[in-house]
C-alpha atoms as a PDB file:
ATOM      1  CA  MET A   1       0.190  -0.050  -0.090  1.00  0.00           C
ATOM      2  CA  ARG A   2       2.681   2.216   0.780  1.00  0.00           C
ATOM      3  CA  GLY A   3       3.786   2.186  -3.198  1.00  0.00           C
ATOM      4  CA  ALA A   4       0.093   3.621  -3.987  1.00  0.00           C
ATOM      5  CA  ALA A   5       0.551   5.921  -1.636  1.00  0.00           C
ATOM      6  CA  TRP A   6       3.775   7.423  -2.992  1.00  0.00           C
ATOM      7  CA  ALA A   7       2.450   7.070  -6.378  1.00  0.00           C
ATOM      8  CA  TRP A   8      -0.878   9.379  -5.310  1.00  0.00           C
ATOM      9  CA  THR A   9       1.631  11.622  -3.317  1.00  0.00           C
ATOM     10  CA  VAL A  10       3.541  12.113  -6.581  1.00  0.00           C
ATOM     11  CA  ALA A  11       0.436  12.320  -8.761  1.00  0.00           C
ATOM     12  CA  VAL A  12      -1.128  15.045  -6.107  1.00  0.00           C
ATOM     13  CA  PHE A  13       2.105  17.619  -7.034  1.00  0.00           C
ATOM     14  CA  VAL A  14       1.881  16.759 -10.807  1.00  0.00           C
ATOM     15  CA  LEU A  15      -1.926  17.517 -11.124  1.00  0.00           C
ATOM     16  CA  LEU A  16      -1.571  20.592  -9.219  1.00  0.00           C
ATOM     17  CA  TRP A  17       1.483  22.036 -11.219  1.00  0.00           C
ATOM     18  CA  MET A  18       0.685  21.395 -14.382  1.00  0.00           C
ATOM     19  CA  PRO A  19      -1.422  23.643 -16.445  1.00  0.00           C
ATOM     20  CA  PRO A  20      -4.941  23.386 -16.194  1.00  0.00           C
ATOM     21  CA  PRO A  21      -6.823  22.096 -18.507  1.00  0.00           C
ATOM     22  CA  PRO A  22      -9.607  24.532 -20.349  1.00  0.00           C
ATOM     23  CA  PRO A  23     -12.316  24.815 -17.991  1.00  0.00           C
ATOM     24  CA  PRO A  24     -15.359  23.265 -18.965  1.00  0.00           C
ATOM     25  CA  GLU A  25     -18.921  25.600 -20.432  1.00  0.00           C
ATOM     26  CA  ILE A  26     -20.470  25.022 -17.359  1.00  0.00           C
ATOM     27  CA  ILE A  27     -18.366  25.351 -14.175  1.00  0.00           C
ATOM     28  CA  TRP A  28     -19.268  26.109 -10.590  1.00  0.00           C
ATOM     29  CA  TRP A  29     -17.258  28.437  -8.270  1.00  0.00           C
ATOM     30  CA  TRP A  30     -16.588  25.648  -5.973  1.00  0.00           C
ATOM     31  CA  TRP A  31     -15.576  22.981  -8.544  1.00  0.00           C
ATOM     32  CA  ASP A  32     -11.535  24.034  -7.664  1.00  0.00           C
ATOM     33  CA  LYS A  33     -12.208  23.321  -3.861  1.00  0.00           C
ATOM     34  CA  LEU A  34     -14.038  19.935  -4.603  1.00  0.00           C
ATOM     35  CA  VAL A  35     -11.076  18.870  -6.652  1.00  0.00           C
ATOM     36  CA  HIS A  36      -8.319  19.823  -3.894  1.00  0.00           C
ATOM     37  CA  LEU A  37     -10.832  18.222  -1.379  1.00  0.00           C
ATOM     38  CA  GLY A  38     -10.884  14.959  -3.209  1.00  0.00           C
ATOM     39  CA  LEU A  39      -6.903  14.838  -4.113  1.00  0.00           C
ATOM     40  CA  MET A  40      -5.935  15.644  -0.537  1.00  0.00           C
ATOM     41  CA  ALA A  41      -8.656  12.827   1.188  1.00  0.00           C
ATOM     42  CA  ALA A  42      -7.324  10.140  -1.293  1.00  0.00           C
ATOM     43  CA  PHE A  43      -3.758  11.554  -0.123  1.00  0.00           C
ATOM     44  CA  ALA A  44      -4.703  10.555   3.638  1.00  0.00           C
ATOM     45  CA  GLY A  45      -6.754   7.331   3.099  1.00  0.00           C
ATOM     46  CA  LEU A  46      -3.847   6.055   1.172  1.00  0.00           C
ATOM     47  CA  TRP A  47      -1.542   6.982   3.646  1.00  0.00           C
ATOM     48  CA  THR A  48      -3.713   5.823   6.297  1.00  0.00           C
ATOM     49  CA  TRP A  49      -3.980   2.192   4.965  1.00  0.00           C
ATOM     50  CA  ALA A  50      -0.043   2.212   4.605  1.00  0.00           C
ATOM     51  CA  GLY A  51       0.365   2.431   8.222  1.00  0.00           C
ATOM     52  CA  VAL A  52       0.796   6.210   8.752  1.00  0.00           C
ATOM     53  CA  ARG A  53      -0.820   7.280  12.216  1.00  0.00           C
ATOM     54  CA  GLY A  54      -3.160  10.306  12.262  1.00  0.00           C
ATOM     55  CA  ALA A  55      -0.250  12.528  14.658  1.00  0.00           C
ATOM     56  CA  ARG A  56       2.310  12.012  11.603  1.00  0.00           C
ATOM     57  CA  LEU A  57      -0.455  12.280   9.052  1.00  0.00           C
ATOM     58  CA  TRP A  58      -1.607  15.849   9.857  1.00  0.00           C
ATOM     59  CA  PRO A  59       1.518  17.474   9.692  1.00  0.00           C
ATOM     60  CA  LEU A  60       2.596  15.323   6.410  1.00  0.00           C
ATOM     61  CA  GLY A  61      -0.487  16.292   4.720  1.00  0.00           C
ATOM     62  CA  VAL A  62      -0.627  20.123   5.956  1.00  0.00           C
ATOM     63  CA  LEU A  63       2.981  20.402   4.864  1.00  0.00           C
ATOM     64  CA  VAL A  64       1.978  18.753   1.227  1.00  0.00           C
ATOM     65  CA  GLY A  65      -0.929  21.158   0.936  1.00  0.00           C
ATOM     66  CA  ALA A  66       1.077  24.075   1.617  1.00  0.00           C
ATOM     67  CA  VAL A  67       4.254  23.024  -0.743  1.00  0.00           C
ATOM     68  CA  THR A  68       1.793  22.618  -3.751  1.00  0.00           C
ATOM     69  CA  GLU A  69       0.113  25.952  -2.939  1.00  0.00           C
ATOM     70  CA  LEU A  70       3.839  28.132  -2.535  1.00  0.00           C
ATOM     71  CA  GLY A  71       4.373  26.100  -6.026  1.00  0.00           C
ATOM     72  CA  GLN A  72       1.219  26.981  -7.490  1.00  0.00           C
ATOM     73  CA  GLY A  73       2.074  30.705  -6.679  1.00  0.00           C
ATOM     74  CA  LEU A  74       5.200  30.257  -8.396  1.00  0.00           C
ATOM     75  CA  LEU A  75       4.308  29.373 -11.320  1.00  0.00           C
ATOM     76  CA  PRO A  76       3.204  31.544 -14.521  1.00  0.00           C
ATOM     77  CA  TRP A  77       0.076  29.360 -15.341  1.00  0.00           C
ATOM     78  CA  ARG A  78      -1.275  28.497 -11.686  1.00  0.00           C
ATOM     79  CA  HIS A  79      -2.165  30.921  -8.787  1.00  0.00           C
ATOM     80  CA  ALA A  80      -1.927  30.142  -4.887  1.00  0.00           C
ATOM     81  CA  SER A  81      -4.841  30.484  -3.093  1.00  0.00           C
ATOM     82  CA  TRP A  82      -5.657  30.308   0.858  1.00  0.00           C
ATOM     83  CA  ASP A  83      -9.144  28.796   0.421  1.00  0.00           C
ATOM     84  CA  ASP A  84      -7.397  25.777  -1.817  1.00  0.00           C
ATOM     85  CA  PHE A  85      -4.774  25.480   1.062  1.00  0.00           C
ATOM     86  CA  GLY A  86      -8.078  25.151   3.721  1.00  0.00           C
ATOM     87  CA  PHE A  87      -9.518  22.231   1.250  1.00  0.00           C
ATOM     88  CA  ASP A  88      -6.350  20.792   1.269  1.00  0.00           C
ATOM     89  CA  VAL A  89      -6.453  20.422   4.834  1.00  0.00           C
ATOM     90  CA  LEU A  90     -10.194  19.435   5.329  1.00  0.00           C
ATOM     91  CA  GLY A  91      -9.570  16.819   2.658  1.00  0.00           C
ATOM     92  CA  VAL A  92      -6.803  15.226   4.686  1.00  0.00           C
ATOM     93  CA  GLY A  93      -9.276  14.972   7.717  1.00  0.00           C
ATOM     94  CA  LEU A  94     -11.694  13.744   5.724  1.00  0.00           C
ATOM     95  CA  GLY A  95      -9.403  11.219   4.271  1.00  0.00           C
ATOM     96  CA  TRP A  96      -8.213  10.158   7.590  1.00  0.00           C
ATOM     97  CA  LEU A  97     -11.738   9.602   9.058  1.00  0.00           C
ATOM     98  CA  VAL A  98     -13.394   7.690   5.825  1.00  0.00           C
ATOM     99  CA  ALA A  99      -9.915   5.537   5.903  1.00  0.00           C
ATOM    100  CA  ARG A 100     -10.265   4.952  10.001  1.00  0.00           C
ATOM    101  CA  TRP A 101     -14.117   3.967   9.562  1.00  0.00           C
ATOM    102  CA  LEU A 102     -13.379   1.501   6.486  1.00  0.00           C
ATOM    103  CA  TRP A 103     -10.355  -0.084   8.070  1.00  0.00           C
ATOM    104  CA  PRO A 104     -10.323   0.179  12.005  1.00  0.00           C
ATOM    105  CA  PRO A 105      -6.759  -0.171  13.574  1.00  0.00           C
ATOM    106  CA  ARG A 106      -7.252  -3.255  15.318  1.00  0.00           C
ATOM    107  CA  VAL A 107      -5.117  -6.054  14.945  1.00  0.00           C
ATOM    108  CA  GLY A 108      -5.889  -8.361  12.317  1.00  0.00           C
ATOM    109  CA  SER A 109      -8.906  -6.541  11.364  1.00  0.00           C
ATOM    110  CA  ARG A 110     -10.410  -6.264   7.973  1.00  0.00           C
ATOM    111  CA  PRO A 111     -12.123  -3.205   5.996  1.00  0.00           C
ATOM    112  CA  ARG A 112     -15.423  -2.864   6.455  1.00  0.00           C
ATOM    113  CA  TRP A 113     -16.159  -3.341   2.918  1.00  0.00           C
ATOM    114  CA  TRP A 114     -14.891  -6.919   2.780  1.00  0.00           C
END
């Protein structure tokens, strides 16, 4: 699972730093926030399932969110946003909660979806 978590971490940076695709004809103001929330929720879920505890995951998620936003601020085709950073942090919390609910931390436990 650590391999998947590392791969997703790299994907988060690539997706948030590459030039954005042209926006769809109908776009909602919250679409960008939903993308940040979803990317970081998947990030936190994968790292939780890989065995990283919440006390280490939280600072790691905040750091990844901060670095992606700082990087976006340095790229001419992107812009940094405190709102996006906030949704990154919310995504980390949401992903951790969902991962813990689906796979409680007990010895020999199996995911609830099995």
